Amino acid sequence: MKIYINGQVFELSHLPTPMNITSVLATSLPNNQQQLSFALALNGDFIGREAYDTTHVQHHDSIDLLFPIVGG
């Protein structure tokens, strides 16, 4: 399965399907980014953190992660 995270292609054919957002993030993000706060959109629709386990990702889906930027 091929998905896009912030425009970058990830090939996840080694994972069992269906895959939820939690498993995609655990596989695709470095540990330090997984610990940060972020907003997530799946195909342009905001998904709350409470729905990550029950929201499944399909072939060619796009995930956008928005990390807060600190500064002035």
N, C-alpha and C. Protein backbone atom coordinates (compact mmCIF):
# COMPACT_ATOMS: atom_id res chain seq x y z
N MET A 1 0.84 -1.17 0.00
CA MET A 1 0.00 0.00 0.00
C MET A 1 0.89 1.23 0.00
N LYS A 2 0.54 2.20 -0.82
CA LYS A 2 1.27 3.45 -0.92
C LYS A 2 0.39 4.56 -0.34
N ILE A 3 0.96 5.32 0.61
CA ILE A 3 0.26 6.49 1.14
C ILE A 3 1.22 7.68 1.10
N TYR A 4 0.68 8.84 1.34
CA TYR A 4 1.47 10.07 1.33
C TYR A 4 1.34 10.74 2.68
N ILE A 5 2.48 11.11 3.26
CA ILE A 5 2.48 11.86 4.51
C ILE A 5 3.25 13.15 4.24
N ASN A 6 2.54 14.27 4.34
CA ASN A 6 3.11 15.58 4.02
C ASN A 6 3.78 15.58 2.65
N GLY A 7 3.16 14.89 1.71
CA GLY A 7 3.65 14.86 0.34
C GLY A 7 4.71 13.81 0.06
N GLN A 8 5.25 13.18 1.09
CA GLN A 8 6.28 12.16 0.91
C GLN A 8 5.62 10.79 0.78
N VAL A 9 6.08 9.99 -0.18
CA VAL A 9 5.50 8.66 -0.42
C VAL A 9 6.05 7.66 0.59
N PHE A 10 5.14 6.87 1.16
CA PHE A 10 5.51 5.77 2.05
C PHE A 10 4.90 4.49 1.51
N GLU A 11 5.73 3.48 1.32
CA GLU A 11 5.28 2.17 0.86
C GLU A 11 5.12 1.29 2.09
N LEU A 12 3.88 0.89 2.38
CA LEU A 12 3.59 0.15 3.61
C LEU A 12 3.04 -1.24 3.31
N SER A 13 3.55 -1.87 2.28
CA SER A 13 3.03 -3.18 1.88
C SER A 13 3.38 -4.28 2.87
N HIS A 14 4.34 -4.04 3.77
CA HIS A 14 4.75 -5.05 4.74
C HIS A 14 3.83 -5.10 5.96
N LEU A 15 2.88 -4.18 6.05
CA LEU A 15 1.96 -4.15 7.20
C LEU A 15 0.64 -4.83 6.85
N PRO A 16 -0.01 -5.43 7.85
CA PRO A 16 -1.31 -6.06 7.60
C PRO A 16 -2.38 -5.01 7.31
N THR A 17 -3.36 -5.36 6.53
CA THR A 17 -4.46 -4.44 6.24
C THR A 17 -5.73 -4.98 6.88
N PRO A 18 -6.69 -4.19 7.23
CA PRO A 18 -6.68 -2.73 7.13
C PRO A 18 -5.78 -2.11 8.20
N MET A 19 -5.21 -0.97 7.87
CA MET A 19 -4.33 -0.26 8.78
C MET A 19 -5.05 0.97 9.31
N ASN A 20 -4.87 1.22 10.60
CA ASN A 20 -5.45 2.44 11.16
C ASN A 20 -4.37 3.52 11.23
N ILE A 21 -4.78 4.72 11.55
CA ILE A 21 -3.85 5.84 11.59
C ILE A 21 -2.76 5.62 12.64
N THR A 22 -3.11 5.03 13.77
CA THR A 22 -2.12 4.78 14.82
C THR A 22 -0.98 3.92 14.30
N SER A 23 -1.28 2.84 13.59
CA SER A 23 -0.22 1.96 13.09
C SER A 23 0.59 2.62 11.98
N VAL A 24 -0.04 3.43 11.16
CA VAL A 24 0.70 4.16 10.11
C VAL A 24 1.69 5.12 10.73
N LEU A 25 1.25 5.88 11.74
CA LEU A 25 2.15 6.84 12.39
C LEU A 25 3.28 6.13 13.12
N ALA A 26 2.99 5.02 13.78
CA ALA A 26 4.02 4.28 14.50
C ALA A 26 5.09 3.75 13.55
N THR A 27 4.70 3.44 12.34
CA THR A 27 5.63 2.90 11.34
C THR A 27 6.37 4.00 10.59
N SER A 28 5.72 5.13 10.38
CA SER A 28 6.25 6.15 9.47
C SER A 28 6.97 7.31 10.14
N LEU A 29 6.63 7.61 11.39
CA LEU A 29 7.23 8.77 12.06
C LEU A 29 8.34 8.35 13.01
N PRO A 30 9.39 9.16 13.09
CA PRO A 30 10.42 8.89 14.11
C PRO A 30 9.80 9.03 15.51
N ASN A 31 10.37 8.35 16.49
CA ASN A 31 9.82 8.37 17.85
C ASN A 31 9.68 9.77 18.41
N ASN A 32 10.65 10.65 18.16
CA ASN A 32 10.56 12.01 18.71
C ASN A 32 9.37 12.77 18.13
N GLN A 33 9.03 12.57 16.88
CA GLN A 33 7.86 13.24 16.30
C GLN A 33 6.56 12.65 16.82
N GLN A 34 6.54 11.36 17.12
CA GLN A 34 5.33 10.73 17.64
C GLN A 34 4.95 11.31 19.01
N GLN A 35 5.94 11.81 19.74
CA GLN A 35 5.69 12.35 21.08
C GLN A 35 5.23 13.80 21.06
N LEU A 36 5.36 14.47 19.94
CA LEU A 36 4.98 15.88 19.82
C LEU A 36 3.47 16.03 19.61
N SER A 37 2.97 17.19 19.93
CA SER A 37 1.58 17.51 19.61
C SER A 37 1.50 17.89 18.13
N PHE A 38 0.45 17.45 17.47
CA PHE A 38 0.25 17.80 16.07
C PHE A 38 -1.22 17.64 15.72
N ALA A 39 -1.60 18.29 14.65
CA ALA A 39 -2.94 18.10 14.08
C ALA A 39 -2.78 17.21 12.85
N LEU A 40 -3.81 16.42 12.56
CA LEU A 40 -3.74 15.47 11.45
C LEU A 40 -4.98 15.60 10.58
N ALA A 41 -4.75 15.61 9.28
CA ALA A 41 -5.84 15.59 8.31
C ALA A 41 -5.64 14.40 7.39
N LEU A 42 -6.70 13.66 7.17
CA LEU A 42 -6.68 12.52 6.25
C LEU A 42 -7.50 12.91 5.03
N ASN A 43 -6.84 13.02 3.89
CA ASN A 43 -7.50 13.44 2.65
C ASN A 43 -8.23 14.76 2.83
N GLY A 44 -7.63 15.67 3.61
CA GLY A 44 -8.18 17.00 3.80
C GLY A 44 -9.17 17.14 4.94
N ASP A 45 -9.53 16.04 5.60
CA ASP A 45 -10.49 16.09 6.71
C ASP A 45 -9.75 15.90 8.03
N PHE A 46 -9.98 16.84 8.97
CA PHE A 46 -9.36 16.75 10.28
C PHE A 46 -9.82 15.49 10.98
N ILE A 47 -8.88 14.78 11.61
CA ILE A 47 -9.18 13.58 12.39
C ILE A 47 -8.65 13.82 13.81
N GLY A 48 -9.51 13.72 14.80
CA GLY A 48 -9.10 13.88 16.18
C GLY A 48 -8.33 12.67 16.67
N ARG A 49 -7.44 12.88 17.62
CA ARG A 49 -6.58 11.81 18.14
C ARG A 49 -7.39 10.62 18.66
N GLU A 50 -8.57 10.87 19.20
CA GLU A 50 -9.41 9.79 19.73
C GLU A 50 -9.92 8.85 18.64
N ALA A 51 -9.85 9.28 17.38
CA ALA A 51 -10.34 8.46 16.26
C ALA A 51 -9.22 7.75 15.50
N TYR A 52 -7.97 7.90 15.92
CA TYR A 52 -6.85 7.29 15.19
C TYR A 52 -6.97 5.76 15.12
N ASP A 53 -7.41 5.13 16.21
CA ASP A 53 -7.49 3.67 16.24
C ASP A 53 -8.62 3.12 15.38
N THR A 54 -9.64 3.92 15.13
CA THR A 54 -10.81 3.43 14.39
C THR A 54 -10.90 3.98 12.97
N THR A 55 -9.95 4.82 12.58
CA THR A 55 -9.93 5.38 11.23
C THR A 55 -8.91 4.62 10.39
N HIS A 56 -9.39 3.99 9.33
CA HIS A 56 -8.51 3.18 8.48
C HIS A 56 -7.98 3.98 7.29
N VAL A 57 -6.79 3.61 6.89
CA VAL A 57 -6.11 4.26 5.78
C VAL A 57 -6.15 3.33 4.57
N GLN A 58 -6.43 3.91 3.42
CA GLN A 58 -6.53 3.17 2.17
C GLN A 58 -5.36 3.51 1.24
N HIS A 59 -5.17 2.68 0.23
CA HIS A 59 -4.15 2.91 -0.80
C HIS A 59 -4.31 4.30 -1.40
N HIS A 60 -3.23 5.05 -1.49
CA HIS A 60 -3.15 6.39 -2.06
C HIS A 60 -3.79 7.47 -1.19
N ASP A 61 -4.10 7.17 0.07
CA ASP A 61 -4.58 8.22 0.97
C ASP A 61 -3.46 9.20 1.26
N SER A 62 -3.85 10.41 1.65
CA SER A 62 -2.89 11.45 1.98
C SER A 62 -3.11 11.91 3.41
N ILE A 63 -2.04 11.89 4.19
CA ILE A 63 -2.08 12.38 5.57
C ILE A 63 -1.23 13.64 5.64
N ASP A 64 -1.81 14.68 6.21
CA ASP A 64 -1.07 15.92 6.45
C ASP A 64 -0.93 16.10 7.94
N LEU A 65 0.31 16.28 8.39
CA LEU A 65 0.59 16.52 9.80
C LEU A 65 1.04 17.96 9.97
N LEU A 66 0.44 18.63 10.93
CA LEU A 66 0.78 20.03 11.20
C LEU A 66 1.33 20.12 12.61
N PHE A 67 2.62 20.45 12.71
CA PHE A 67 3.29 20.59 13.99
C PHE A 67 3.33 22.06 14.35
N PRO A 68 3.07 22.41 15.63
CA PRO A 68 3.14 23.82 16.02
C PRO A 68 4.58 24.32 15.95
N ILE A 69 4.71 25.58 15.64
CA ILE A 69 6.03 26.22 15.56
C ILE A 69 6.10 27.25 16.68
N VAL A 70 7.15 27.16 17.49
CA VAL A 70 7.33 28.08 18.60
C VAL A 70 8.29 29.18 18.16
N GLY A 71 7.94 30.39 18.49
CA GLY A 71 8.83 31.50 18.14
C GLY A 71 8.07 32.81 18.07
N GLY A 72 8.75 33.83 17.74
CA GLY A 72 8.12 35.14 17.75
C GLY A 72 8.25 35.83 16.50
